[in-house]
Every structure is written in structure tokens, then in C-alpha cells.
Amino acid sequence: MEHRTASNNEEKAAVIRKWINPEERVSVQFDDQRGLNAEVTGCSGQLVDLALDTPVPHMRQEISIPLSEVEVSEDLGHYTRDPDKPLKRKRLMLIIKGKRPAVVY
């Protein structure tokens, strides 16, 4: 992604879809929680589907967020991890308006 921020849903979806990969994680921030790791599991023109890591090992929180509530950016503090692709020194960051939904165990 370039250093500009994706502004409309189509641009956001195009950037996010490149990160649909079970071997990759993205960074996620809500108003009340930062520094979360997630896998992008899907993205339509209206919604992004995420599997957020939880404190419980091997248990993830599956959520869908409207793209209108998502800002797309870059996380320069993390790198990519898919061993089949070249290493990148940054990864996708999704900044979501609002609080993280409650995790149900």
C-alpha cells in the first residue's frame, strides 16, 4: 500500500483483500483496545471479516465490521510472516471506530 490512506469502501476493500491469507496477521485497533492481531478472513464491498486473537489459546473472535467504520493504514512495527512470500517490514493496520465487541467464551 502507498503512504496515502484508502478513503472509500472500494479502495479499502482492494487493499484489505490482499491480506486474506491464513498465514498472515494484520494489526487492529479499536477505540478501547490497541495492538490486537487478527486474520482477515474475507472482505466484500461493504464488510471486512476478521478473526481476532483472544487471551485463550486457539480461540478466536469472529467479527464482521462495516468498511465505513474502518480506516486502512500501515503498521511499521510488525513484519509479515508467510514463509512462502518475501518478507515485508510492515503490515496492514485496521483502525476501527468504536469499542471492541465483547468476547464470548
Protein backbone atom coordinates (compact mmCIF):
# COMPACT_ATOMS: atom_id res chain seq x y z
CA MET A 1 0.00 0.00 0.00
CA GLU A 2 1.18 3.50 -0.68
CA HIS A 3 1.56 6.01 2.11
CA ARG A 4 -1.81 7.57 1.42
CA THR A 5 -4.89 6.36 3.27
CA ALA A 6 -7.60 4.48 1.39
CA SER A 7 -10.71 6.64 1.60
CA ASN A 8 -13.70 4.94 0.02
CA ASN A 9 -15.04 1.42 0.51
CA GLU A 10 -13.82 0.18 -2.88
CA GLU A 11 -10.26 1.36 -2.21
CA LYS A 12 -10.34 -0.07 1.30
CA ALA A 13 -11.64 -3.44 0.09
CA ALA A 14 -8.96 -3.64 -2.62
CA VAL A 15 -6.19 -3.06 -0.06
CA ILE A 16 -7.68 -5.40 2.55
CA ARG A 17 -8.29 -8.29 0.12
CA LYS A 18 -4.53 -8.55 -0.48
CA TRP A 19 -4.22 -9.60 3.17
CA ILE A 20 -6.67 -12.51 3.06
CA ASN A 21 -4.19 -15.24 3.94
CA PRO A 22 -4.31 -17.67 6.90
CA GLU A 23 -0.51 -17.30 7.24
CA GLU A 24 -0.65 -13.52 7.74
CA ARG A 25 -1.86 -11.32 10.55
CA VAL A 26 -2.90 -7.69 10.48
CA SER A 27 -2.90 -5.15 13.29
CA VAL A 28 -6.25 -3.94 14.61
CA GLN A 29 -7.10 -1.00 16.84
CA PHE A 30 -10.43 -0.17 18.42
CA ASP A 31 -11.15 2.95 20.48
CA ASP A 32 -10.76 0.90 23.66
CA GLN A 33 -8.09 -1.65 22.61
CA ARG A 34 -4.92 -1.34 20.58
CA GLY A 35 -2.22 -3.68 19.36
CA LEU A 36 -4.54 -6.56 18.50
CA ASN A 37 -3.62 -9.27 16.00
CA ALA A 38 -6.17 -10.61 13.54
CA GLU A 39 -6.53 -12.64 10.38
CA VAL A 40 -8.57 -11.17 7.54
CA THR A 41 -10.93 -13.99 6.57
CA GLY A 42 -13.00 -12.13 3.97
CA CYS A 43 -13.84 -8.74 2.54
CA SER A 44 -16.80 -7.60 0.45
CA GLY A 45 -17.56 -4.12 -0.80
CA GLN A 46 -19.35 -3.43 2.49
CA LEU A 47 -17.79 -5.59 5.24
CA VAL A 48 -14.43 -6.90 6.39
CA ASP A 49 -14.43 -10.24 8.23
CA LEU A 50 -11.81 -10.68 10.94
CA ALA A 51 -10.70 -13.46 13.28
CA LEU A 52 -9.24 -11.62 16.28
CA ASP A 53 -6.80 -13.33 18.63
CA THR A 54 -8.06 -13.70 22.20
CA PRO A 55 -6.29 -14.40 25.50
CA VAL A 56 -7.45 -18.05 25.21
CA PRO A 57 -5.02 -20.05 23.04
CA HIS A 58 -6.51 -21.37 19.79
CA MET A 59 -9.76 -19.43 20.34
CA ARG A 60 -10.53 -16.53 18.06
CA GLN A 61 -13.28 -13.95 17.94
CA GLU A 62 -15.00 -13.88 14.54
CA ILE A 63 -16.45 -10.46 13.68
CA SER A 64 -17.63 -8.51 10.63
CA ILE A 65 -17.09 -4.76 10.56
CA PRO A 66 -18.65 -2.29 8.07
CA LEU A 67 -15.93 -0.75 5.89
CA SER A 68 -17.43 2.67 6.65
CA GLU A 69 -16.15 2.22 10.23
CA VAL A 70 -12.64 1.17 9.17
CA GLU A 71 -9.59 3.28 8.41
CA VAL A 72 -6.85 1.46 6.48
CA SER A 73 -3.25 2.22 7.38
CA GLU A 74 0.16 0.55 7.79
CA ASP A 75 1.83 -0.89 10.87
CA LEU A 76 5.56 -0.29 10.57
CA GLY A 77 6.19 -2.02 13.90
CA HIS A 78 5.41 -5.51 12.60
CA TYR A 79 6.54 -7.58 9.65
CA THR A 80 4.85 -10.20 7.51
CA ARG A 81 5.30 -13.87 8.37
CA ASP A 82 4.12 -16.00 5.43
CA PRO A 83 7.22 -18.14 4.71
CA ASP A 84 6.19 -18.57 1.05
CA LYS A 85 6.31 -14.84 0.32
CA PRO A 86 9.11 -12.26 0.57
CA LEU A 87 9.41 -10.58 3.97
CA LYS A 88 7.88 -7.11 4.23
CA ARG A 89 8.81 -4.80 7.06
CA LYS A 90 5.24 -3.56 7.53
CA ARG A 91 1.75 -4.97 7.60
CA LEU A 92 -1.83 -3.80 7.26
CA MET A 93 -3.40 -1.90 10.17
CA LEU A 94 -7.15 -1.51 10.53
CA ILE A 95 -8.30 1.30 12.79
CA ILE A 96 -11.92 0.68 13.73
CA LYS A 97 -14.27 3.34 15.09
CA GLY A 98 -15.95 2.17 18.26
CA LYS A 99 -15.25 -0.33 21.00
CA ARG A 100 -14.27 -3.95 20.51
CA PRO A 101 -17.28 -6.27 20.72
CA ALA A 102 -17.34 -8.43 23.84
CA VAL A 103 -15.62 -11.78 23.52
CA VAL A 104 -17.96 -14.69 24.29
CA TYR A 105 -16.16 -17.80 25.61
